[in-house]
Amino acid sequence: MNFLKNMKIGKRLGLSFGIILVFMVVLVVLGIRSMANIQEHMDKIVKLNNVRSEAANQMGEAIREVSISLRNVLLVKESSKREEQVSRIATERGKYDTAIKKVEEMTPATDTKGLEIITKVKSSQDTARPLNNKVVASYLKWVSQLW
């Protein structure tokens, strides 16, 4: 500290200013790196997570529409409207398949939890579709025997 006492005031001020300037440069560099990191995370949220979330929402909508159409098949009396509902089930299943494929493609192989959930959803789908088809087929067979 003796060397500071022996320095003239101008040199001490210059040294202090230089130290502050170095700290500011370090802070600016760290800030820019942090902003780049934030931008990377933001891109992931917008381009990946939001798109997967939208596809999952489309899957939910398709399931809801299939359920409504399945109910309508059982409730409507006109055969043309029943066939329309059966056709609608197939259309909604196509939308569902497209959405789940999109979710699956966008899920990285390192996301084991996500892949596990997708496997469970597919398993549920593989169980539910044949049962839905059986309900429709049984009902249509029953209705045809009535008329």
N, C-alpha and C. Protein backbone atom coordinates (compact mmCIF):
# COMPACT_ATOMS: atom_id res chain seq x y z
N MET A 1 0.81 -1.19 0.00
CA MET A 1 0.00 0.00 0.00
C MET A 1 0.86 1.26 0.00
N ASN A 2 2.12 1.09 0.33
CA ASN A 2 3.01 2.24 0.33
C ASN A 2 3.17 2.83 -1.05
N PHE A 3 3.13 1.96 -2.06
CA PHE A 3 3.33 2.48 -3.41
C PHE A 3 2.18 3.40 -3.82
N LEU A 4 0.97 3.20 -3.26
CA LEU A 4 -0.14 4.10 -3.56
C LEU A 4 0.06 5.47 -2.92
N LYS A 5 0.67 5.49 -1.73
CA LYS A 5 0.91 6.77 -1.05
C LYS A 5 1.95 7.59 -1.79
N ASN A 6 2.87 6.89 -2.44
CA ASN A 6 3.94 7.59 -3.15
C ASN A 6 3.51 8.04 -4.54
N MET A 7 2.36 7.54 -5.04
CA MET A 7 1.88 7.92 -6.39
C MET A 7 1.22 9.27 -6.34
N LYS A 8 1.35 9.97 -7.44
CA LYS A 8 0.66 11.24 -7.55
C LYS A 8 -0.83 10.98 -7.74
N ILE A 9 -1.62 11.96 -7.43
CA ILE A 9 -3.08 11.82 -7.47
C ILE A 9 -3.56 11.47 -8.88
N GLY A 10 -2.95 12.01 -9.90
CA GLY A 10 -3.33 11.72 -11.28
C GLY A 10 -3.16 10.26 -11.63
N LYS A 11 -2.03 9.67 -11.21
CA LYS A 11 -1.77 8.25 -11.48
C LYS A 11 -2.74 7.36 -10.69
N ARG A 12 -3.00 7.77 -9.44
CA ARG A 12 -3.96 6.98 -8.63
C ARG A 12 -5.34 7.00 -9.27
N LEU A 13 -5.77 8.16 -9.73
CA LEU A 13 -7.07 8.26 -10.40
C LEU A 13 -7.08 7.44 -11.69
N GLY A 14 -5.98 7.51 -12.44
CA GLY A 14 -5.88 6.74 -13.68
C GLY A 14 -5.93 5.24 -13.42
N LEU A 15 -5.23 4.78 -12.39
CA LEU A 15 -5.23 3.37 -12.02
C LEU A 15 -6.64 2.94 -11.58
N SER A 16 -7.27 3.74 -10.78
CA SER A 16 -8.64 3.44 -10.33
C SER A 16 -9.59 3.36 -11.52
N PHE A 17 -9.48 4.31 -12.41
CA PHE A 17 -10.33 4.31 -13.59
C PHE A 17 -10.07 3.07 -14.45
N GLY A 18 -8.80 2.69 -14.58
CA GLY A 18 -8.44 1.50 -15.35
C GLY A 18 -9.03 0.23 -14.74
N ILE A 19 -8.97 0.12 -13.42
CA ILE A 19 -9.54 -1.05 -12.74
C ILE A 19 -11.05 -1.10 -12.95
N ILE A 20 -11.70 0.03 -12.81
CA ILE A 20 -13.16 0.10 -13.02
C ILE A 20 -13.49 -0.25 -14.46
N LEU A 21 -12.68 0.22 -15.40
CA LEU A 21 -12.89 -0.09 -16.81
C LEU A 21 -12.76 -1.59 -17.08
N VAL A 22 -11.77 -2.24 -16.46
CA VAL A 22 -11.59 -3.69 -16.63
C VAL A 22 -12.80 -4.43 -16.07
N PHE A 23 -13.28 -4.01 -14.88
CA PHE A 23 -14.48 -4.63 -14.31
C PHE A 23 -15.68 -4.47 -15.23
N MET A 24 -15.82 -3.29 -15.80
CA MET A 24 -16.95 -3.05 -16.71
C MET A 24 -16.87 -3.93 -17.95
N VAL A 25 -15.69 -4.10 -18.51
CA VAL A 25 -15.52 -4.96 -19.68
C VAL A 25 -15.88 -6.41 -19.32
N VAL A 26 -15.42 -6.86 -18.16
CA VAL A 26 -15.74 -8.23 -17.72
C VAL A 26 -17.25 -8.38 -17.56
N LEU A 27 -17.90 -7.40 -16.95
CA LEU A 27 -19.35 -7.45 -16.77
C LEU A 27 -20.09 -7.46 -18.11
N VAL A 28 -19.63 -6.66 -19.06
CA VAL A 28 -20.26 -6.63 -20.38
C VAL A 28 -20.11 -7.98 -21.07
N VAL A 29 -18.94 -8.58 -21.02
CA VAL A 29 -18.71 -9.89 -21.64
C VAL A 29 -19.60 -10.94 -20.99
N LEU A 30 -19.65 -10.94 -19.65
CA LEU A 30 -20.53 -11.90 -18.96
C LEU A 30 -21.99 -11.66 -19.31
N GLY A 31 -22.39 -10.42 -19.40
CA GLY A 31 -23.77 -10.10 -19.77
C GLY A 31 -24.13 -10.57 -21.16
N ILE A 32 -23.23 -10.39 -22.10
CA ILE A 32 -23.49 -10.83 -23.48
C ILE A 32 -23.58 -12.35 -23.55
N ARG A 33 -22.70 -13.04 -22.84
CA ARG A 33 -22.77 -14.50 -22.81
C ARG A 33 -24.08 -14.97 -22.18
N SER A 34 -24.48 -14.33 -21.11
CA SER A 34 -25.74 -14.70 -20.46
C SER A 34 -26.93 -14.45 -21.38
N MET A 35 -26.90 -13.36 -22.10
CA MET A 35 -27.99 -13.06 -23.04
C MET A 35 -28.05 -14.09 -24.16
N ALA A 36 -26.89 -14.54 -24.63
CA ALA A 36 -26.87 -15.59 -25.66
C ALA A 36 -27.45 -16.88 -25.11
N ASN A 37 -27.15 -17.19 -23.87
CA ASN A 37 -27.68 -18.37 -23.22
C ASN A 37 -29.20 -18.26 -23.06
N ILE A 38 -29.66 -17.10 -22.66
CA ILE A 38 -31.10 -16.86 -22.52
C ILE A 38 -31.78 -17.00 -23.88
N GLN A 39 -31.17 -16.47 -24.93
CA GLN A 39 -31.74 -16.56 -26.27
C GLN A 39 -31.85 -18.02 -26.72
N GLU A 40 -30.83 -18.80 -26.39
CA GLU A 40 -30.84 -20.22 -26.75
C GLU A 40 -32.01 -20.95 -26.06
N HIS A 41 -32.19 -20.66 -24.77
CA HIS A 41 -33.30 -21.26 -24.04
C HIS A 41 -34.65 -20.79 -24.57
N MET A 42 -34.72 -19.52 -24.92
CA MET A 42 -35.96 -18.96 -25.45
C MET A 42 -36.31 -19.62 -26.80
N ASP A 43 -35.31 -19.81 -27.63
CA ASP A 43 -35.53 -20.49 -28.91
C ASP A 43 -36.05 -21.90 -28.69
N LYS A 44 -35.49 -22.59 -27.70
CA LYS A 44 -35.94 -23.95 -27.40
C LYS A 44 -37.40 -23.94 -26.96
N ILE A 45 -37.76 -22.99 -26.13
CA ILE A 45 -39.14 -22.89 -25.66
C ILE A 45 -40.09 -22.62 -26.81
N VAL A 46 -39.74 -21.66 -27.64
CA VAL A 46 -40.63 -21.25 -28.72
C VAL A 46 -40.68 -22.29 -29.84
N LYS A 47 -39.54 -22.78 -30.25
CA LYS A 47 -39.49 -23.65 -31.42
C LYS A 47 -39.74 -25.13 -31.11
N LEU A 48 -39.53 -25.52 -29.87
CA LEU A 48 -39.69 -26.94 -29.54
C LEU A 48 -40.85 -27.17 -28.58
N ASN A 49 -40.75 -26.60 -27.40
CA ASN A 49 -41.75 -26.88 -26.38
C ASN A 49 -43.14 -26.41 -26.77
N ASN A 50 -43.26 -25.21 -27.32
CA ASN A 50 -44.58 -24.70 -27.71
C ASN A 50 -45.18 -25.52 -28.85
N VAL A 51 -44.34 -25.94 -29.78
CA VAL A 51 -44.84 -26.73 -30.91
C VAL A 51 -45.30 -28.11 -30.41
N ARG A 52 -44.51 -28.71 -29.52
CA ARG A 52 -44.93 -30.01 -28.95
C ARG A 52 -46.20 -29.86 -28.13
N SER A 53 -46.29 -28.78 -27.40
CA SER A 53 -47.49 -28.54 -26.59
C SER A 53 -48.72 -28.37 -27.48
N GLU A 54 -48.56 -27.65 -28.57
CA GLU A 54 -49.68 -27.47 -29.51
C GLU A 54 -50.09 -28.80 -30.13
N ALA A 55 -49.11 -29.63 -30.48
CA ALA A 55 -49.43 -30.95 -31.03
C ALA A 55 -50.15 -31.81 -29.99
N ALA A 56 -49.73 -31.72 -28.74
CA ALA A 56 -50.41 -32.47 -27.68
C ALA A 56 -51.84 -31.98 -27.50
N ASN A 57 -52.04 -30.68 -27.62
CA ASN A 57 -53.40 -30.13 -27.55
C ASN A 57 -54.25 -30.65 -28.71
N GLN A 58 -53.65 -30.74 -29.90
CA GLN A 58 -54.38 -31.28 -31.05
C GLN A 58 -54.75 -32.73 -30.81
N MET A 59 -53.88 -33.48 -30.15
CA MET A 59 -54.19 -34.86 -29.82
C MET A 59 -55.40 -34.92 -28.89
N GLY A 60 -55.41 -34.05 -27.89
CA GLY A 60 -56.53 -34.00 -26.95
C GLY A 60 -57.84 -33.64 -27.64
N GLU A 61 -57.77 -32.67 -28.56
CA GLU A 61 -58.96 -32.28 -29.31
C GLU A 61 -59.46 -33.44 -30.17
N ALA A 62 -58.54 -34.16 -30.78
CA ALA A 62 -58.93 -35.29 -31.63
C ALA A 62 -59.59 -36.38 -30.79
N ILE A 63 -59.06 -36.64 -29.61
CA ILE A 63 -59.66 -37.65 -28.73
C ILE A 63 -61.07 -37.21 -28.33
N ARG A 64 -61.21 -35.93 -28.01
CA ARG A 64 -62.54 -35.43 -27.63
C ARG A 64 -63.52 -35.58 -28.79
N GLU A 65 -63.08 -35.26 -29.99
CA GLU A 65 -63.96 -35.36 -31.17
C GLU A 65 -64.31 -36.82 -31.47
N VAL A 66 -63.36 -37.72 -31.29
CA VAL A 66 -63.64 -39.15 -31.48
C VAL A 66 -64.69 -39.61 -30.47
N SER A 67 -64.54 -39.17 -29.23
CA SER A 67 -65.50 -39.55 -28.19
C SER A 67 -66.90 -39.02 -28.51
N ILE A 68 -66.97 -37.79 -28.98
CA ILE A 68 -68.26 -37.20 -29.34
C ILE A 68 -68.87 -37.96 -30.51
N SER A 69 -68.05 -38.27 -31.51
CA SER A 69 -68.56 -39.00 -32.67
C SER A 69 -68.99 -40.40 -32.28
N LEU A 70 -68.27 -41.04 -31.39
CA LEU A 70 -68.64 -42.37 -30.92
C LEU A 70 -70.00 -42.32 -30.22
N ARG A 71 -70.18 -41.31 -29.40
CA ARG A 71 -71.47 -41.13 -28.73
C ARG A 71 -72.57 -40.90 -29.77
N ASN A 72 -72.27 -40.06 -30.76
CA ASN A 72 -73.27 -39.75 -31.79
C ASN A 72 -73.65 -40.97 -32.61
N VAL A 73 -72.68 -41.85 -32.86
CA VAL A 73 -72.99 -43.08 -33.59
C VAL A 73 -74.07 -43.86 -32.85
N LEU A 74 -73.97 -43.86 -31.54
CA LEU A 74 -74.93 -44.62 -30.73
C LEU A 74 -76.28 -43.90 -30.59
N LEU A 75 -76.30 -42.59 -30.81
CA LEU A 75 -77.52 -41.83 -30.57
C LEU A 75 -78.35 -41.52 -31.81
N VAL A 76 -77.69 -41.31 -32.94
CA VAL A 76 -78.44 -40.89 -34.14
C VAL A 76 -79.20 -42.08 -34.72
N LYS A 77 -80.33 -41.75 -35.31
CA LYS A 77 -81.19 -42.81 -35.82
C LYS A 77 -80.99 -43.04 -37.32
N GLU A 78 -80.61 -42.00 -38.04
CA GLU A 78 -80.44 -42.13 -39.49
C GLU A 78 -79.09 -42.79 -39.80
N SER A 79 -79.13 -43.77 -40.69
CA SER A 79 -77.89 -44.49 -41.02
C SER A 79 -76.87 -43.58 -41.72
N SER A 80 -77.34 -42.61 -42.51
CA SER A 80 -76.40 -41.71 -43.19
C SER A 80 -75.63 -40.87 -42.18
N LYS A 81 -76.30 -40.43 -41.14
CA LYS A 81 -75.63 -39.63 -40.11
C LYS A 81 -74.67 -40.51 -39.29
N ARG A 82 -75.06 -41.77 -39.10
CA ARG A 82 -74.17 -42.70 -38.40
C ARG A 82 -72.89 -42.89 -39.20
N GLU A 83 -73.05 -43.09 -40.50
CA GLU A 83 -71.87 -43.27 -41.36
C GLU A 83 -71.01 -42.00 -41.37
N GLU A 84 -71.65 -40.87 -41.31
CA GLU A 84 -70.93 -39.60 -41.25
C GLU A 84 -70.08 -39.53 -39.97
N GLN A 85 -70.64 -40.00 -38.87
CA GLN A 85 -69.91 -40.00 -37.61
C GLN A 85 -68.76 -41.01 -37.63
N VAL A 86 -68.98 -42.17 -38.24
CA VAL A 86 -67.91 -43.16 -38.37
C VAL A 86 -66.77 -42.59 -39.22
N SER A 87 -67.13 -41.88 -40.28
CA SER A 87 -66.13 -41.23 -41.13
C SER A 87 -65.37 -40.15 -40.35
N ARG A 88 -66.10 -39.44 -39.52
CA ARG A 88 -65.48 -38.38 -38.72
C ARG A 88 -64.48 -38.98 -37.72
N ILE A 89 -64.80 -40.14 -37.18
CA ILE A 89 -63.88 -40.83 -36.27
C ILE A 89 -62.55 -41.11 -36.99
N ALA A 90 -62.66 -41.60 -38.21
CA ALA A 90 -61.44 -41.90 -38.99
C ALA A 90 -60.64 -40.62 -39.26
N THR A 91 -61.34 -39.53 -39.57
CA THR A 91 -60.66 -38.26 -39.84
C THR A 91 -59.93 -37.77 -38.59
N GLU A 92 -60.60 -37.82 -37.46
CA GLU A 92 -60.00 -37.35 -36.22
C GLU A 92 -58.83 -38.23 -35.80
N ARG A 93 -58.93 -39.52 -36.07
CA ARG A 93 -57.81 -40.41 -35.76
C ARG A 93 -56.60 -40.06 -36.63
N GLY A 94 -56.85 -39.66 -37.86
CA GLY A 94 -55.76 -39.23 -38.72
C GLY A 94 -55.08 -37.99 -38.16
N LYS A 95 -55.87 -37.04 -37.66
CA LYS A 95 -55.31 -35.83 -37.04
C LYS A 95 -54.48 -36.21 -35.81
N TYR A 96 -55.01 -37.13 -35.04
CA TYR A 96 -54.31 -37.60 -33.84
C TYR A 96 -52.98 -38.22 -34.21
N ASP A 97 -52.99 -39.09 -35.22
CA ASP A 97 -51.77 -39.77 -35.64
C ASP A 97 -50.72 -38.77 -36.12
N THR A 98 -51.15 -37.75 -36.85
CA THR A 98 -50.23 -36.72 -37.33
C THR A 98 -49.61 -35.98 -36.15
N ALA A 99 -50.44 -35.63 -35.18
CA ALA A 99 -49.96 -34.88 -34.02
C ALA A 99 -48.99 -35.70 -33.17
N ILE A 100 -49.31 -36.96 -32.93
CA ILE A 100 -48.41 -37.77 -32.09
C ILE A 100 -47.09 -38.03 -32.83
N LYS A 101 -47.16 -38.15 -34.14
CA LYS A 101 -45.92 -38.34 -34.91
C LYS A 101 -45.04 -37.09 -34.78
N LYS A 102 -45.67 -35.94 -34.82
CA LYS A 102 -44.93 -34.68 -34.69
C LYS A 102 -44.28 -34.59 -33.30
N VAL A 103 -45.02 -34.94 -32.27
CA VAL A 103 -44.47 -34.92 -30.91
C VAL A 103 -43.30 -35.90 -30.80
N GLU A 104 -43.48 -37.06 -31.37
CA GLU A 104 -42.43 -38.08 -31.30
C GLU A 104 -41.17 -37.63 -32.04
N GLU A 105 -41.35 -37.02 -33.20
CA GLU A 105 -40.19 -36.55 -33.98
C GLU A 105 -39.45 -35.43 -33.27
N MET A 106 -40.17 -34.60 -32.53
CA MET A 106 -39.56 -33.45 -31.88
C MET A 106 -38.98 -33.78 -30.50
N THR A 107 -39.22 -34.98 -30.02
CA THR A 107 -38.70 -35.37 -28.71
C THR A 107 -37.32 -35.98 -28.90
N PRO A 108 -36.31 -35.36 -28.30
CA PRO A 108 -34.95 -35.88 -28.47
C PRO A 108 -34.77 -37.24 -27.78
N ALA A 109 -33.84 -38.01 -28.27
CA ALA A 109 -33.59 -39.34 -27.71
C ALA A 109 -33.10 -39.26 -26.27
N THR A 110 -32.56 -38.13 -25.89
CA THR A 110 -32.06 -37.97 -24.52
C THR A 110 -33.19 -37.69 -23.52
N ASP A 111 -34.36 -37.36 -24.01
CA ASP A 111 -35.51 -37.07 -23.15
C ASP A 111 -36.24 -38.37 -22.81
N THR A 112 -35.68 -39.12 -21.88
CA THR A 112 -36.24 -40.44 -21.55
C THR A 112 -37.64 -40.33 -20.95
N LYS A 113 -37.88 -39.32 -20.15
CA LYS A 113 -39.19 -39.14 -19.53
C LYS A 113 -40.24 -38.88 -20.62
N GLY A 114 -39.91 -38.01 -21.57
CA GLY A 114 -40.82 -37.72 -22.67
C GLY A 114 -41.11 -38.95 -23.52
N LEU A 115 -40.08 -39.71 -23.83
CA LEU A 115 -40.26 -40.92 -24.63
C LEU A 115 -41.08 -41.97 -23.88
N GLU A 116 -40.91 -42.00 -22.56
CA GLU A 116 -41.70 -42.93 -21.74
C GLU A 116 -43.19 -42.55 -21.79
N ILE A 117 -43.46 -41.27 -21.72
CA ILE A 117 -44.85 -40.79 -21.79
C ILE A 117 -45.45 -41.10 -23.16
N ILE A 118 -44.68 -40.88 -24.21
CA ILE A 118 -45.15 -41.16 -25.57
C ILE A 118 -45.48 -42.65 -25.71
N THR A 119 -44.63 -43.51 -25.14
CA THR A 119 -44.87 -44.95 -25.19
C THR A 119 -46.17 -45.31 -24.48
N LYS A 120 -46.42 -44.70 -23.32
CA LYS A 120 -47.66 -44.96 -22.58
C LYS A 120 -48.87 -44.49 -23.38
N VAL A 121 -48.75 -43.32 -24.00
CA VAL A 121 -49.87 -42.78 -24.80
C VAL A 121 -50.16 -43.70 -25.97
N LYS A 122 -49.12 -44.17 -26.64
CA LYS A 122 -49.31 -45.08 -27.77
C LYS A 122 -49.93 -46.40 -27.32
N SER A 123 -49.51 -46.88 -26.17
CA SER A 123 -50.07 -48.11 -25.63
C SER A 123 -51.56 -47.94 -25.34
N SER A 124 -51.91 -46.80 -24.75
CA SER A 124 -53.33 -46.51 -24.48
C SER A 124 -54.12 -46.42 -25.77
N GLN A 125 -53.52 -45.81 -26.76
CA GLN A 125 -54.17 -45.69 -28.07
C GLN A 125 -54.37 -47.07 -28.69
N ASP A 126 -53.37 -47.92 -28.59
CA ASP A 126 -53.48 -49.27 -29.15
C ASP A 126 -54.55 -50.09 -28.45
N THR A 127 -54.82 -49.76 -27.19
CA THR A 127 -55.87 -50.45 -26.44
C THR A 127 -57.24 -49.87 -26.78
N ALA A 128 -57.33 -48.55 -26.86
CA ALA A 128 -58.63 -47.88 -27.02
C ALA A 128 -59.22 -48.02 -28.42
N ARG A 129 -58.42 -47.93 -29.44
CA ARG A 129 -58.95 -47.96 -30.81
C ARG A 129 -59.72 -49.25 -31.13
N PRO A 130 -59.15 -50.41 -30.86
CA PRO A 130 -59.90 -51.63 -31.14
C PRO A 130 -61.21 -51.71 -30.34
N LEU A 131 -61.17 -51.22 -29.11
CA LEU A 131 -62.39 -51.23 -28.30
C LEU A 131 -63.45 -50.30 -28.89
N ASN A 132 -63.02 -49.12 -29.32
CA ASN A 132 -63.95 -48.19 -29.98
C ASN A 132 -64.53 -48.82 -31.24
N ASN A 133 -63.66 -49.44 -32.03
CA ASN A 133 -64.12 -50.09 -33.26
C ASN A 133 -65.12 -51.21 -32.94
N LYS A 134 -64.85 -51.94 -31.88
CA LYS A 134 -65.74 -53.04 -31.49
C LYS A 134 -67.11 -52.50 -31.07
N VAL A 135 -67.12 -51.39 -30.33
CA VAL A 135 -68.39 -50.77 -29.93
C VAL A 135 -69.19 -50.37 -31.16
N VAL A 136 -68.54 -49.71 -32.10
CA VAL A 136 -69.23 -49.25 -33.30
C VAL A 136 -69.72 -50.45 -34.11
N ALA A 137 -68.86 -51.43 -34.32
CA ALA A 137 -69.25 -52.60 -35.11
C ALA A 137 -70.40 -53.36 -34.46
N SER A 138 -70.33 -53.54 -33.14
CA SER A 138 -71.39 -54.25 -32.43
C SER A 138 -72.71 -53.50 -32.52
N TYR A 139 -72.63 -52.20 -32.37
CA TYR A 139 -73.85 -51.40 -32.44
C TYR A 139 -74.45 -51.43 -33.84
N LEU A 140 -73.59 -51.27 -34.85
CA LEU A 140 -74.09 -51.30 -36.23
C LEU A 140 -74.69 -52.66 -36.56
N LYS A 141 -74.11 -53.73 -36.07
CA LYS A 141 -74.64 -55.07 -36.29
C LYS A 141 -76.01 -55.19 -35.60
N TRP A 142 -76.09 -54.71 -34.38
CA TRP A 142 -77.32 -54.76 -33.61
C TRP A 142 -78.43 -53.96 -34.30
N VAL A 143 -78.07 -52.75 -34.76
CA VAL A 143 -79.06 -51.88 -35.43
C VAL A 143 -79.53 -52.52 -36.73
N SER A 144 -78.62 -53.14 -37.46
CA SER A 144 -79.00 -53.76 -38.74
C SER A 144 -79.95 -54.94 -38.50
N GLN A 145 -79.82 -55.63 -37.39
CA GLN A 145 -80.71 -56.73 -37.07
C GLN A 145 -82.10 -56.23 -36.68
N LEU A 146 -82.14 -55.02 -36.11
CA LEU A 146 -83.44 -54.45 -35.73
C LEU A 146 -84.27 -54.07 -36.94
N TRP A 147 -83.62 -53.58 -37.96
CA TRP A 147 -84.34 -53.07 -39.13
C TRP A 147 -84.41 -54.17 -40.14
